[in-house]
Amino acid sequence: MDKKTNDIIEKFIAGNILTEDESIRLDKRLNDSHYREELADFLENKWDSSESEDVQLQFEQIRKQIRGSSSYRKTRRLFIVLSKAAALLIVPILAAALYFYFTQPVSDEMLTLSTQKGELTNVILPDGSKVWLNVDSKLSYPLNYGTKSRSLELKGEAYFEVEKNEKLPFEVTAGNVTTKALGTRFVISAYPESSEVKSSLVEGAVEVSCGPSLKVLHPGQQFVLYKNRKEYTVKSFNKEYELGWKDKQLAFYLASFDDVIEQLEKWYNINIEYDSDSFKSETLTVRFEKNETLEQVLKVFSKANGFQYSVEGGRVIIKK
């Protein structure tokens, strides 16, 4: 086997990402029928010279790099070649690694995680970053997430705990606002029907951009874009209320009546009819647990804001 191909294979076994040229070269060699026996001999020698601990370590290193690989193209011929080579080994280090490596999808297709009204969920992304999605939210990211970028799109609200990677900043775009982080914790609220887009930093540092404007946030700061006025501000925020939903709490801090109704509709998956003008000047600060019923919440709100309500099927009617 020529030295260049050998170096490429050794590089991959060590858990390092191959360049596109290296991937192309290796793909061609693996699909060359004259090369198969030579590859099998190489794999056997590699297995014979490896300790069990080394095998486990190498495989774990490879698994960590799989999502970040720049693989060229998956082919059925490659799968056949690797299957034949793998048959010669008890634990085919390279065959298994290359199989996972080349069967990673290379596509512009997006993966989407979404929640319905009344539903919360969380997920661990391929790079180890954690995401909590609030009700009626949608998070999208490409199939090759973590390869050349860590870019996501959000509609709704989500809390992020980001794994540090200085080479690949973590970027979330929500409407016209993009939040960029290296390793940090922050929450973004960007429901399409809301008049605001908010990016709130809990820990670390983030860059928030909106058109030509760029702001660096520090812990406890919140970037707010007022969509109707196309203006923004940076202010402090109350972490307990801003992140209450993550702990299954319905929390409001000096929230407008419209915002409260909007959240109730998402939280309990119900339609609420009311005259917005009658409650324009009213705000509410309160916190409820997720297991509290809609009836319990409405009773508190009606006393605090002085209104009557009735529940008819799948809707609530509020009158001042």
C-alpha atoms as a PDB file:
ATOM      1  CA  MET A   1       0.000   0.000   0.000  1.00  0.00           C
ATOM      2  CA  ASP A   2       1.409   3.402  -0.963  1.00  0.00           C
ATOM      3  CA  LYS A   3       2.615   5.646   1.850  1.00  0.00           C
ATOM      4  CA  LYS A   4       0.143   8.464   1.167  1.00  0.00           C
ATOM      5  CA  THR A   5      -2.911   6.212   1.456  1.00  0.00           C
ATOM      6  CA  ASN A   6      -1.414   4.554   4.532  1.00  0.00           C
ATOM      7  CA  ASP A   7      -0.946   7.975   6.146  1.00  0.00           C
ATOM      8  CA  ILE A   8      -4.560   8.883   5.375  1.00  0.00           C
ATOM      9  CA  ILE A   9      -5.851   5.695   7.015  1.00  0.00           C
ATOM     10  CA  GLU A  10      -3.591   6.180  10.034  1.00  0.00           C
ATOM     11  CA  LYS A  11      -4.841   9.754  10.313  1.00  0.00           C
ATOM     12  CA  PHE A  12      -8.440   8.611  10.375  1.00  0.00           C
ATOM     13  CA  ILE A  13      -7.837   5.811  12.877  1.00  0.00           C
ATOM     14  CA  ALA A  14      -6.273   8.416  15.184  1.00  0.00           C
ATOM     15  CA  GLY A  15      -9.640  10.172  15.188  1.00  0.00           C
ATOM     16  CA  ASN A  16      -8.652  13.100  12.969  1.00  0.00           C
ATOM     17  CA  ILE A  17     -10.913  14.609  10.316  1.00  0.00           C
ATOM     18  CA  LEU A  18      -9.941  13.996   6.681  1.00  0.00           C
ATOM     19  CA  THR A  19      -9.821  16.777   4.142  1.00  0.00           C
ATOM     20  CA  GLU A  20     -12.039  16.510   1.072  1.00  0.00           C
ATOM     21  CA  ASP A  21      -9.022  15.572  -1.112  1.00  0.00           C
ATOM     22  CA  GLU A  22      -8.029  12.845   1.342  1.00  0.00           C
ATOM     23  CA  SER A  23     -11.586  11.512   1.410  1.00  0.00           C
ATOM     24  CA  ILE A  24     -11.699  11.413  -2.402  1.00  0.00           C
ATOM     25  CA  ARG A  25      -8.385   9.559  -2.576  1.00  0.00           C
ATOM     26  CA  LEU A  26      -9.442   7.000   0.009  1.00  0.00           C
ATOM     27  CA  ASP A  27     -12.812   6.502  -1.675  1.00  0.00           C
ATOM     28  CA  LYS A  28     -11.108   5.691  -4.977  1.00  0.00           C
ATOM     29  CA  ARG A  29      -8.721   3.230  -3.345  1.00  0.00           C
ATOM     30  CA  LEU A  30     -11.526   1.441  -1.514  1.00  0.00           C
ATOM     31  CA  ASN A  31     -13.452   0.985  -4.734  1.00  0.00           C
ATOM     32  CA  ASP A  32     -10.438  -0.430  -6.592  1.00  0.00           C
ATOM     33  CA  SER A  33     -10.847  -4.230  -6.853  1.00  0.00           C
ATOM     34  CA  HIS A  34      -7.042  -4.697  -6.970  1.00  0.00           C
ATOM     35  CA  TYR A  35      -6.733  -2.967  -3.629  1.00  0.00           C
ATOM     36  CA  ARG A  36      -9.156  -5.135  -1.624  1.00  0.00           C
ATOM     37  CA  GLU A  37      -6.740  -7.909  -0.664  1.00  0.00           C
ATOM     38  CA  GLU A  38      -4.100  -5.367   0.273  1.00  0.00           C
ATOM     39  CA  LEU A  39      -6.630  -3.557   2.450  1.00  0.00           C
ATOM     40  CA  ALA A  40      -7.626  -6.823   4.158  1.00  0.00           C
ATOM     41  CA  ASP A  41      -3.968  -7.594   4.966  1.00  0.00           C
ATOM     42  CA  PHE A  42      -3.523  -4.110   6.359  1.00  0.00           C
ATOM     43  CA  LEU A  43      -6.585  -4.488   8.602  1.00  0.00           C
ATOM     44  CA  GLU A  44      -5.394  -7.867   9.917  1.00  0.00           C
ATOM     45  CA  ASN A  45      -1.976  -6.461  10.754  1.00  0.00           C
ATOM     46  CA  LYS A  46      -3.561  -3.480  12.437  1.00  0.00           C
ATOM     47  CA  TRP A  47      -5.754  -5.733  14.549  1.00  0.00           C
ATOM     48  CA  ASP A  48      -2.857  -8.037  15.512  1.00  0.00           C
ATOM     49  CA  SER A  49      -0.750  -5.102  16.702  1.00  0.00           C
ATOM     50  CA  SER A  50      -3.531  -3.421  18.709  1.00  0.00           C
ATOM     51  CA  GLU A  51      -4.247  -3.889  22.410  1.00  0.00           C
ATOM     52  CA  SER A  52      -7.885  -4.092  23.483  1.00  0.00           C
ATOM     53  CA  GLU A  53      -7.582  -0.778  25.339  1.00  0.00           C
ATOM     54  CA  ASP A  54      -6.129   0.848  22.222  1.00  0.00           C
ATOM     55  CA  VAL A  55      -8.987  -0.447  20.100  1.00  0.00           C
ATOM     56  CA  GLN A  56     -11.583   0.966  22.469  1.00  0.00           C
ATOM     57  CA  LEU A  57      -9.810   4.310  22.712  1.00  0.00           C
ATOM     58  CA  GLN A  58      -9.366   4.625  18.959  1.00  0.00           C
ATOM     59  CA  PHE A  59     -12.955   3.710  18.296  1.00  0.00           C
ATOM     60  CA  GLU A  60     -14.196   6.257  20.827  1.00  0.00           C
ATOM     61  CA  GLN A  61     -11.974   8.915  19.258  1.00  0.00           C
ATOM     62  CA  ILE A  62     -13.339   8.042  15.840  1.00  0.00           C
ATOM     63  CA  ARG A  63     -16.930   8.197  17.069  1.00  0.00           C
ATOM     64  CA  LYS A  64     -16.331  11.704  18.420  1.00  0.00           C
ATOM     65  CA  GLN A  65     -15.028  12.784  15.014  1.00  0.00           C
ATOM     66  CA  ILE A  66     -17.713  11.120  12.889  1.00  0.00           C
ATOM     67  CA  ARG A  67     -20.147  14.016  13.075  1.00  0.00           C
ATOM     68  CA  GLY A  68     -17.424  16.471  12.167  1.00  0.00           C
ATOM     69  CA  SER A  69     -16.022  14.611   9.174  1.00  0.00           C
ATOM     70  CA  SER A  70     -15.887  16.074   5.671  1.00  0.00           C
ATOM     71  CA  SER A  71     -16.728  12.807   3.904  1.00  0.00           C
ATOM     72  CA  TYR A  72     -16.934  12.873   0.142  1.00  0.00           C
ATOM     73  CA  ARG A  73     -19.736  10.551  -0.982  1.00  0.00           C
ATOM     74  CA  LYS A  74     -21.322   7.362   0.266  1.00  0.00           C
ATOM     75  CA  THR A  75     -21.618   4.557  -2.277  1.00  0.00           C
ATOM     76  CA  ARG A  76     -23.008   1.043  -2.233  1.00  0.00           C
ATOM     77  CA  ARG A  77     -19.764  -0.261  -3.723  1.00  0.00           C
ATOM     78  CA  LEU A  78     -17.886   1.078  -0.712  1.00  0.00           C
ATOM     79  CA  PHE A  79     -20.244  -0.730   1.659  1.00  0.00           C
ATOM     80  CA  ILE A  80     -19.592  -4.004  -0.191  1.00  0.00           C
ATOM     81  CA  VAL A  81     -15.815  -3.530  -0.006  1.00  0.00           C
ATOM     82  CA  LEU A  82     -15.937  -2.820   3.714  1.00  0.00           C
ATOM     83  CA  SER A  83     -18.231  -5.774   4.362  1.00  0.00           C
ATOM     84  CA  LYS A  84     -15.721  -8.125   2.725  1.00  0.00           C
ATOM     85  CA  ALA A  85     -12.847  -6.636   4.657  1.00  0.00           C
ATOM     86  CA  ALA A  86     -14.774  -6.744   7.908  1.00  0.00           C
ATOM     87  CA  ALA A  87     -15.456 -10.450   7.528  1.00  0.00           C
ATOM     88  CA  LEU A  88     -11.755 -11.092   8.148  1.00  0.00           C
ATOM     89  CA  LEU A  89     -11.705  -9.380  11.526  1.00  0.00           C
ATOM     90  CA  ILE A  90     -13.285 -10.043  14.925  1.00  0.00           C
ATOM     91  CA  VAL A  91     -13.438  -6.306  15.664  1.00  0.00           C
ATOM     92  CA  PRO A  92     -12.732  -4.473  12.373  1.00  0.00           C
ATOM     93  CA  ILE A  93     -11.331  -1.183  13.625  1.00  0.00           C
ATOM     94  CA  LEU A  94     -10.911   0.562  10.313  1.00  0.00           C
ATOM     95  CA  ALA A  95     -13.804  -1.125   8.546  1.00  0.00           C
ATOM     96  CA  ALA A  96     -16.253  -0.095  11.237  1.00  0.00           C
ATOM     97  CA  ALA A  97     -14.857   3.410  11.393  1.00  0.00           C
ATOM     98  CA  LEU A  98     -14.912   3.895   7.630  1.00  0.00           C
ATOM     99  CA  TYR A  99     -18.389   2.434   7.374  1.00  0.00           C
ATOM    100  CA  PHE A 100     -19.760   5.014   9.836  1.00  0.00           C
ATOM    101  CA  TYR A 101     -17.604   7.707   8.290  1.00  0.00           C
ATOM    102  CA  PHE A 102     -18.772   7.277   4.704  1.00  0.00           C
ATOM    103  CA  THR A 103     -22.390   6.549   5.527  1.00  0.00           C
ATOM    104  CA  GLN A 104     -22.816   9.930   7.191  1.00  0.00           C
ATOM    105  CA  PRO A 105     -25.309  11.896   5.096  1.00  0.00           C
ATOM    106  CA  VAL A 106     -23.883  14.715   2.987  1.00  0.00           C
ATOM    107  CA  SER A 107     -26.832  16.896   2.154  1.00  0.00           C
ATOM    108  CA  ASP A 108     -28.366  20.315   2.511  1.00  0.00           C
ATOM    109  CA  GLU A 109     -31.427  18.649   4.000  1.00  0.00           C
ATOM    110  CA  MET A 110     -32.476  19.973   7.385  1.00  0.00           C
ATOM    111  CA  LEU A 111     -33.386  18.036  10.505  1.00  0.00           C
ATOM    112  CA  THR A 112     -36.213  19.575  12.513  1.00  0.00           C
ATOM    113  CA  LEU A 113     -37.112  19.145  16.160  1.00  0.00           C
ATOM    114  CA  SER A 114     -40.496  20.595  17.072  1.00  0.00           C
ATOM    115  CA  THR A 115     -42.984  20.755  19.927  1.00  0.00           C
ATOM    116  CA  GLN A 116     -46.738  21.172  19.826  1.00  0.00           C
ATOM    117  CA  LYS A 117     -48.781  23.435  22.062  1.00  0.00           C
ATOM    118  CA  GLY A 118     -48.692  22.078  25.598  1.00  0.00           C
ATOM    119  CA  GLU A 119     -45.502  20.089  24.937  1.00  0.00           C
ATOM    120  CA  LEU A 120     -41.898  20.555  26.124  1.00  0.00           C
ATOM    121  CA  THR A 121     -38.859  18.557  25.031  1.00  0.00           C
ATOM    122  CA  ASN A 122     -35.056  18.515  25.071  1.00  0.00           C
ATOM    123  CA  VAL A 123     -32.333  17.046  22.876  1.00  0.00           C
ATOM    124  CA  ILE A 124     -28.562  16.545  22.791  1.00  0.00           C
ATOM    125  CA  LEU A 125     -27.083  17.719  19.483  1.00  0.00           C
ATOM    126  CA  PRO A 126     -24.329  15.756  17.672  1.00  0.00           C
ATOM    127  CA  ASP A 127     -21.616  17.973  19.191  1.00  0.00           C
ATOM    128  CA  GLY A 128     -22.881  17.358  22.722  1.00  0.00           C
ATOM    129  CA  SER A 129     -24.658  20.715  23.102  1.00  0.00           C
ATOM    130  CA  LYS A 130     -27.990  20.508  24.915  1.00  0.00           C
ATOM    131  CA  VAL A 131     -31.235  22.176  23.888  1.00  0.00           C
ATOM    132  CA  TRP A 132     -34.553  22.571  25.711  1.00  0.00           C
ATOM    133  CA  LEU A 133     -37.529  23.532  23.520  1.00  0.00           C
ATOM    134  CA  ASN A 134     -40.481  25.426  24.913  1.00  0.00           C
ATOM    135  CA  VAL A 135     -44.048  24.819  23.740  1.00  0.00           C
ATOM    136  CA  ASP A 136     -44.997  25.373  20.082  1.00  0.00           C
ATOM    137  CA  SER A 137     -41.367  25.745  18.961  1.00  0.00           C
ATOM    138  CA  LYS A 138     -39.254  24.478  16.084  1.00  0.00           C
ATOM    139  CA  LEU A 139     -35.474  24.031  15.834  1.00  0.00           C
ATOM    140  CA  SER A 140     -33.799  23.140  12.514  1.00  0.00           C
ATOM    141  CA  TYR A 141     -30.209  22.248  11.674  1.00  0.00           C
ATOM    142  CA  PRO A 142     -28.466  20.613   8.669  1.00  0.00           C
ATOM    143  CA  LEU A 143     -27.678  16.912   8.467  1.00  0.00           C
ATOM    144  CA  ASN A 144     -23.979  17.786   8.329  1.00  0.00           C
ATOM    145  CA  TYR A 145     -24.199  19.881  11.505  1.00  0.00           C
ATOM    146  CA  GLY A 146     -20.793  20.067  13.178  1.00  0.00           C
ATOM    147  CA  THR A 147     -18.802  19.498   9.972  1.00  0.00           C
ATOM    148  CA  LYS A 148     -18.043  23.028   8.881  1.00  0.00           C
ATOM    149  CA  SER A 149     -20.453  24.960  11.054  1.00  0.00           C
ATOM    150  CA  ARG A 150     -22.838  24.724  14.003  1.00  0.00           C
ATOM    151  CA  SER A 151     -25.711  26.777  12.621  1.00  0.00           C
ATOM    152  CA  LEU A 152     -29.324  26.377  13.706  1.00  0.00           C
ATOM    153  CA  GLU A 153     -32.628  28.103  12.991  1.00  0.00           C
ATOM    154  CA  LEU A 154     -35.228  28.701  15.690  1.00  0.00           C
ATOM    155  CA  LYS A 155     -38.883  29.567  15.640  1.00  0.00           C
ATOM    156  CA  GLY A 156     -40.271  29.776  19.152  1.00  0.00           C
ATOM    157  CA  GLU A 157     -38.253  29.569  22.350  1.00  0.00           C
ATOM    158  CA  ALA A 158     -35.268  27.458  23.389  1.00  0.00           C
ATOM    159  CA  TYR A 159     -32.575  27.276  26.048  1.00  0.00           C
ATOM    160  CA  PHE A 160     -29.057  26.227  24.999  1.00  0.00           C
ATOM    161  CA  GLU A 161     -26.098  24.778  26.884  1.00  0.00           C
ATOM    162  CA  VAL A 162     -23.306  24.907  24.305  1.00  0.00           C
ATOM    163  CA  GLU A 163     -20.250  22.653  24.123  1.00  0.00           C
ATOM    164  CA  LYS A 164     -17.126  24.733  23.630  1.00  0.00           C
ATOM    165  CA  ASN A 165     -15.504  24.611  20.182  1.00  0.00           C
ATOM    166  CA  GLU A 166     -13.408  27.644  19.274  1.00  0.00           C
ATOM    167  CA  LYS A 167     -13.086  26.528  15.650  1.00  0.00           C
ATOM    168  CA  LEU A 168     -16.838  26.183  15.132  1.00  0.00           C
ATOM    169  CA  PRO A 169     -18.908  28.911  16.800  1.00  0.00           C
ATOM    170  CA  PHE A 170     -22.448  27.950  17.732  1.00  0.00           C
ATOM    171  CA  GLU A 171     -24.941  30.152  15.853  1.00  0.00           C
ATOM    172  CA  VAL A 172     -28.701  30.392  16.275  1.00  0.00           C
ATOM    173  CA  THR A 173     -30.731  32.488  13.843  1.00  0.00           C
ATOM    174  CA  ALA A 174     -34.188  33.558  14.961  1.00  0.00           C
ATOM    175  CA  GLY A 175     -35.866  35.928  12.528  1.00  0.00           C
ATOM    176  CA  ASN A 176     -33.458  38.803  11.897  1.00  0.00           C
ATOM    177  CA  VAL A 177     -31.407  38.112  15.018  1.00  0.00           C
ATOM    178  CA  THR A 178     -28.369  35.816  15.115  1.00  0.00           C
ATOM    179  CA  THR A 179     -26.746  34.777  18.399  1.00  0.00           C
ATOM    180  CA  LYS A 180     -23.182  33.425  18.221  1.00  0.00           C
ATOM    181  CA  ALA A 181     -21.441  31.578  21.050  1.00  0.00           C
ATOM    182  CA  LEU A 182     -18.360  29.424  21.617  1.00  0.00           C
ATOM    183  CA  GLY A 183     -19.384  27.704  24.844  1.00  0.00           C
ATOM    184  CA  THR A 184     -22.095  29.209  26.968  1.00  0.00           C
ATOM    185  CA  ARG A 185     -25.690  29.087  28.241  1.00  0.00           C
ATOM    186  CA  PHE A 186     -28.412  31.296  26.827  1.00  0.00           C
ATOM    187  CA  VAL A 187     -32.095  31.379  25.936  1.00  0.00           C
ATOM    188  CA  ILE A 188     -33.776  32.735  22.813  1.00  0.00           C
ATOM    189  CA  SER A 189     -37.434  33.629  22.457  1.00  0.00           C
ATOM    190  CA  ALA A 190     -38.597  34.255  18.892  1.00  0.00           C
ATOM    191  CA  TYR A 191     -42.178  33.244  18.273  1.00  0.00           C
ATOM    192  CA  PRO A 192     -43.285  34.417  14.800  1.00  0.00           C
ATOM    193  CA  GLU A 193     -46.469  36.031  16.145  1.00  0.00           C
ATOM    194  CA  SER A 194     -44.633  37.861  18.964  1.00  0.00           C
ATOM    195  CA  SER A 195     -43.654  41.523  18.607  1.00  0.00           C
ATOM    196  CA  GLU A 196     -40.232  40.812  20.161  1.00  0.00           C
ATOM    197  CA  VAL A 197     -37.184  38.619  19.633  1.00  0.00           C
ATOM    198  CA  LYS A 198     -35.141  38.121  22.806  1.00  0.00           C
ATOM    199  CA  SER A 199     -31.687  36.652  23.384  1.00  0.00           C
ATOM    200  CA  SER A 200     -30.804  36.318  27.078  1.00  0.00           C
ATOM    201  CA  LEU A 201     -27.375  35.277  28.366  1.00  0.00           C
ATOM    202  CA  VAL A 202     -27.111  33.107  31.465  1.00  0.00           C
ATOM    203  CA  GLU A 203     -23.400  32.197  31.410  1.00  0.00           C
ATOM    204  CA  GLY A 204     -20.360  32.931  29.229  1.00  0.00           C
ATOM    205  CA  ALA A 205     -20.538  35.473  26.406  1.00  0.00           C
ATOM    206  CA  VAL A 206     -22.385  35.754  23.109  1.00  0.00           C
ATOM    207  CA  GLU A 207     -22.428  38.030  20.097  1.00  0.00           C
ATOM    208  CA  VAL A 208     -25.864  39.108  18.939  1.00  0.00           C
ATOM    209  CA  SER A 209     -26.227  40.585  15.471  1.00  0.00           C
ATOM    210  CA  CYS A 210     -29.218  42.220  13.823  1.00  0.00           C
ATOM    211  CA  GLY A 211     -28.506  43.690  10.415  1.00  0.00           C
ATOM    212  CA  PRO A 212     -25.376  45.852  10.710  1.00  0.00           C
ATOM    213  CA  SER A 213     -25.642  46.039  14.505  1.00  0.00           C
ATOM    214  CA  LEU A 214     -23.497  43.791  16.711  1.00  0.00           C
ATOM    215  CA  LYS A 215     -23.681  43.552  20.495  1.00  0.00           C
ATOM    216  CA  VAL A 216     -21.647  41.448  22.934  1.00  0.00           C
ATOM    217  CA  LEU A 217     -23.736  40.292  25.893  1.00  0.00           C
ATOM    218  CA  HIS A 218     -22.495  39.490  29.371  1.00  0.00           C
ATOM    219  CA  PRO A 219     -24.251  37.222  31.897  1.00  0.00           C
ATOM    220  CA  GLY A 220     -27.545  38.707  33.044  1.00  0.00           C
ATOM    221  CA  GLN A 221     -28.007  40.816  29.905  1.00  0.00           C
ATOM    222  CA  GLN A 222     -30.803  40.482  27.379  1.00  0.00           C
ATOM    223  CA  PHE A 223     -30.970  41.680  23.771  1.00  0.00           C
ATOM    224  CA  VAL A 224     -34.516  42.632  22.743  1.00  0.00           C
ATOM    225  CA  LEU A 225     -35.534  43.405  19.152  1.00  0.00           C
ATOM    226  CA  TYR A 226     -38.862  45.195  18.764  1.00  0.00           C
ATOM    227  CA  LYS A 227     -39.946  43.912  15.374  1.00  0.00           C
ATOM    228  CA  ASN A 228     -42.612  46.507  14.656  1.00  0.00           C
ATOM    229  CA  ARG A 229     -40.308  49.462  15.382  1.00  0.00           C
ATOM    230  CA  LYS A 230     -37.170  47.754  14.049  1.00  0.00           C
ATOM    231  CA  GLU A 231     -35.341  48.910  17.160  1.00  0.00           C
ATOM    232  CA  TYR A 232     -33.451  47.034  19.837  1.00  0.00           C
ATOM    233  CA  THR A 233     -32.244  47.480  23.382  1.00  0.00           C
ATOM    234  CA  VAL A 234     -29.941  45.668  25.812  1.00  0.00           C
ATOM    235  CA  LYS A 235     -31.184  45.333  29.388  1.00  0.00           C
ATOM    236  CA  SER A 236     -31.003  43.078  32.433  1.00  0.00           C
ATOM    237  CA  PHE A 237     -33.443  40.206  32.909  1.00  0.00           C
ATOM    238  CA  ASN A 238     -34.822  37.992  35.656  1.00  0.00           C
ATOM    239  CA  LYS A 239     -33.391  34.513  35.127  1.00  0.00           C
ATOM    240  CA  GLU A 240     -36.010  32.719  37.238  1.00  0.00           C
ATOM    241  CA  TYR A 241     -38.879  34.087  35.186  1.00  0.00           C
ATOM    242  CA  GLU A 242     -37.163  33.972  31.798  1.00  0.00           C
ATOM    243  CA  LEU A 243     -36.218  30.306  32.255  1.00  0.00           C
ATOM    244  CA  GLY A 244     -39.189  29.159  34.298  1.00  0.00           C
ATOM    245  CA  TRP A 245     -40.636  27.156  31.403  1.00  0.00           C
ATOM    246  CA  LYS A 246     -37.480  24.989  31.268  1.00  0.00           C
ATOM    247  CA  ASP A 247     -38.337  23.759  34.774  1.00  0.00           C
ATOM    248  CA  LYS A 248     -41.986  23.318  33.772  1.00  0.00           C
ATOM    249  CA  GLN A 249     -43.102  26.541  35.378  1.00  0.00           C
ATOM    250  CA  LEU A 250     -45.423  29.082  33.801  1.00  0.00           C
ATOM    251  CA  ALA A 251     -43.696  32.297  34.867  1.00  0.00           C
ATOM    252  CA  PHE A 252     -44.412  35.952  34.112  1.00  0.00           C
ATOM    253  CA  TYR A 253     -42.524  39.043  35.221  1.00  0.00           C
ATOM    254  CA  LEU A 254     -44.222  42.371  34.497  1.00  0.00           C
ATOM    255  CA  ALA A 255     -45.683  40.672  31.423  1.00  0.00           C
ATOM    256  CA  SER A 256     -48.325  42.395  29.320  1.00  0.00           C
ATOM    257  CA  PHE A 257     -51.793  40.852  29.275  1.00  0.00           C
ATOM    258  CA  ASP A 258     -51.353  39.994  25.584  1.00  0.00           C
ATOM    259  CA  ASP A 259     -48.142  38.092  26.340  1.00  0.00           C
ATOM    260  CA  VAL A 260     -49.821  36.213  29.170  1.00  0.00           C
ATOM    261  CA  ILE A 261     -52.709  35.135  26.944  1.00  0.00           C
ATOM    262  CA  GLU A 262     -50.309  34.092  24.179  1.00  0.00           C
ATOM    263  CA  GLN A 263     -48.395  31.842  26.571  1.00  0.00           C
ATOM    264  CA  LEU A 264     -51.559  30.361  28.069  1.00  0.00           C
ATOM    265  CA  GLU A 265     -52.765  29.384  24.596  1.00  0.00           C
ATOM    266  CA  LYS A 266     -49.483  27.600  23.862  1.00  0.00           C
ATOM    267  CA  TRP A 267     -49.133  26.064  27.321  1.00  0.00           C
ATOM    268  CA  TYR A 268     -52.644  24.600  27.480  1.00  0.00           C
ATOM    269  CA  ASN A 269     -53.330  24.276  23.729  1.00  0.00           C
ATOM    270  CA  ILE A 270     -56.528  26.317  23.859  1.00  0.00           C
ATOM    271  CA  ASN A 271     -57.971  29.397  22.133  1.00  0.00           C
ATOM    272  CA  ILE A 272     -58.695  32.447  24.285  1.00  0.00           C
ATOM    273  CA  GLU A 273     -61.013  35.239  23.121  1.00  0.00           C
ATOM    274  CA  TYR A 274     -60.782  38.678  24.730  1.00  0.00           C
ATOM    275  CA  ASP A 275     -60.754  42.403  23.943  1.00  0.00           C
ATOM    276  CA  SER A 276     -57.082  43.373  23.873  1.00  0.00           C
ATOM    277  CA  ASP A 277     -57.810  47.101  24.249  1.00  0.00           C
ATOM    278  CA  SER A 278     -59.524  46.488  27.606  1.00  0.00           C
ATOM    279  CA  PHE A 279     -56.280  45.119  29.113  1.00  0.00           C
ATOM    280  CA  LYS A 280     -53.669  47.272  27.386  1.00  0.00           C
ATOM    281  CA  SER A 281     -52.252  48.898  30.518  1.00  0.00           C
ATOM    282  CA  GLU A 282     -52.226  45.771  32.668  1.00  0.00           C
ATOM    283  CA  THR A 283     -49.183  43.654  33.576  1.00  0.00           C
ATOM    284  CA  LEU A 284     -48.740  40.508  35.619  1.00  0.00           C
ATOM    285  CA  THR A 285     -45.989  38.971  37.754  1.00  0.00           C
ATOM    286  CA  VAL A 286     -46.735  35.414  38.845  1.00  0.00           C
ATOM    287  CA  ARG A 287     -45.425  31.855  38.628  1.00  0.00           C
ATOM    288  CA  PHE A 288     -47.286  28.543  38.306  1.00  0.00           C
ATOM    289  CA  GLU A 289     -46.171  24.934  38.236  1.00  0.00           C
ATOM    290  CA  LYS A 290     -46.829  22.953  35.044  1.00  0.00           C
ATOM    291  CA  ASN A 291     -49.189  20.578  36.840  1.00  0.00           C
ATOM    292  CA  GLU A 292     -51.601  23.379  37.729  1.00  0.00           C
ATOM    293  CA  THR A 293     -54.758  23.229  35.644  1.00  0.00           C
ATOM    294  CA  LEU A 294     -56.031  25.917  33.308  1.00  0.00           C
ATOM    295  CA  GLU A 295     -58.965  26.438  35.669  1.00  0.00           C
ATOM    296  CA  GLN A 296     -56.619  27.114  38.597  1.00  0.00           C
ATOM    297  CA  VAL A 297     -54.575  29.594  36.560  1.00  0.00           C
ATOM    298  CA  LEU A 298     -57.637  31.439  35.253  1.00  0.00           C
ATOM    299  CA  LYS A 299     -59.014  31.834  38.776  1.00  0.00           C
ATOM    300  CA  VAL A 300     -55.802  33.584  39.882  1.00  0.00           C
ATOM    301  CA  PHE A 301     -55.694  35.781  36.772  1.00  0.00           C
ATOM    302  CA  SER A 302     -59.360  36.756  37.034  1.00  0.00           C
ATOM    303  CA  LYS A 303     -58.922  37.943  40.626  1.00  0.00           C
ATOM    304  CA  ALA A 304     -55.686  39.800  39.858  1.00  0.00           C
ATOM    305  CA  ASN A 305     -56.991  41.510  36.720  1.00  0.00           C
ATOM    306  CA  GLY A 306     -60.681  41.755  37.532  1.00  0.00           C
ATOM    307  CA  PHE A 307     -62.344  39.880  34.692  1.00  0.00           C
ATOM    308  CA  GLN A 308     -64.996  37.215  34.171  1.00  0.00           C
ATOM    309  CA  TYR A 309     -64.349  34.097  32.107  1.00  0.00           C
ATOM    310  CA  SER A 310     -66.163  31.074  30.766  1.00  0.00           C
ATOM    311  CA  VAL A 311     -64.866  27.868  29.215  1.00  0.00           C
ATOM    312  CA  GLU A 312     -66.783  26.585  26.198  1.00  0.00           C
ATOM    313  CA  GLY A 313     -65.362  23.479  24.599  1.00  0.00           C
ATOM    314  CA  GLY A 314     -61.856  24.225  23.332  1.00  0.00           C
ATOM    315  CA  ARG A 315     -61.950  27.974  23.966  1.00  0.00           C
ATOM    316  CA  VAL A 316     -61.982  30.459  26.822  1.00  0.00           C
ATOM    317  CA  ILE A 317     -63.970  33.699  26.675  1.00  0.00           C
ATOM    318  CA  ILE A 318     -62.730  36.580  28.845  1.00  0.00           C
ATOM    319  CA  LYS A 319     -64.791  39.695  29.523  1.00  0.00           C
ATOM    320  CA  LYS A 320     -63.867  42.732  31.608  1.00  0.00           C
END
